[in-house]
Amino acid sequence: MRPFIRSLRLVALGGLWVAPLAWWSWPAGHPLPAIVAEPIALVLPEPPKVDEAEKVEAEPPPAPIEHLGPPHKVLLPRSRVTPAITRTARELLGRPMGSETVRAVGDRSYAFVVERHYHAPESGLTPVGWHKGVTVYALED
């Protein structure tokens, strides 16, 4: 024999609290009974009173921060390229074209930009022609 009541929850119905039964928990053809329950009065405590002398002055807002803009980028000449900078540039060569990555190498910050490079055939540099490369900029404040 199956149980008649599987779940019971109280709902408000016209000012009364009733407990409707789920449709599958009562035999077909019989009216669903309503169990009347007493409404519960919730009493919340009053908030504590604050003495006027105990009120703390709000701190003034912080001074606005000046927007200084991005640091100034200066193209790094080949004479200042170190092996550590070359190693970092090779690591970033696989990034998408146009991406810019800022990294600290040693005690300075540099911007590494992946972009198209061109080496003329008579320059002696490889690869010859247009290719993907990394341009390095020194960041100055």
Foldseek 3Di string as FASTA:
>chain_A
DDALADDWDWDDDPNWTWTWGDPVRHDPPDDTDTDTDDDDDDDDDDDDDDDPVPDDDDDDDDDDDDPPDFFDWAFDDPVPDDVQNVVVFVVCLPPDAQDWDWDDDDNFIKIKHWHWDADDPVNPDPPHGIDIGITIITTDD
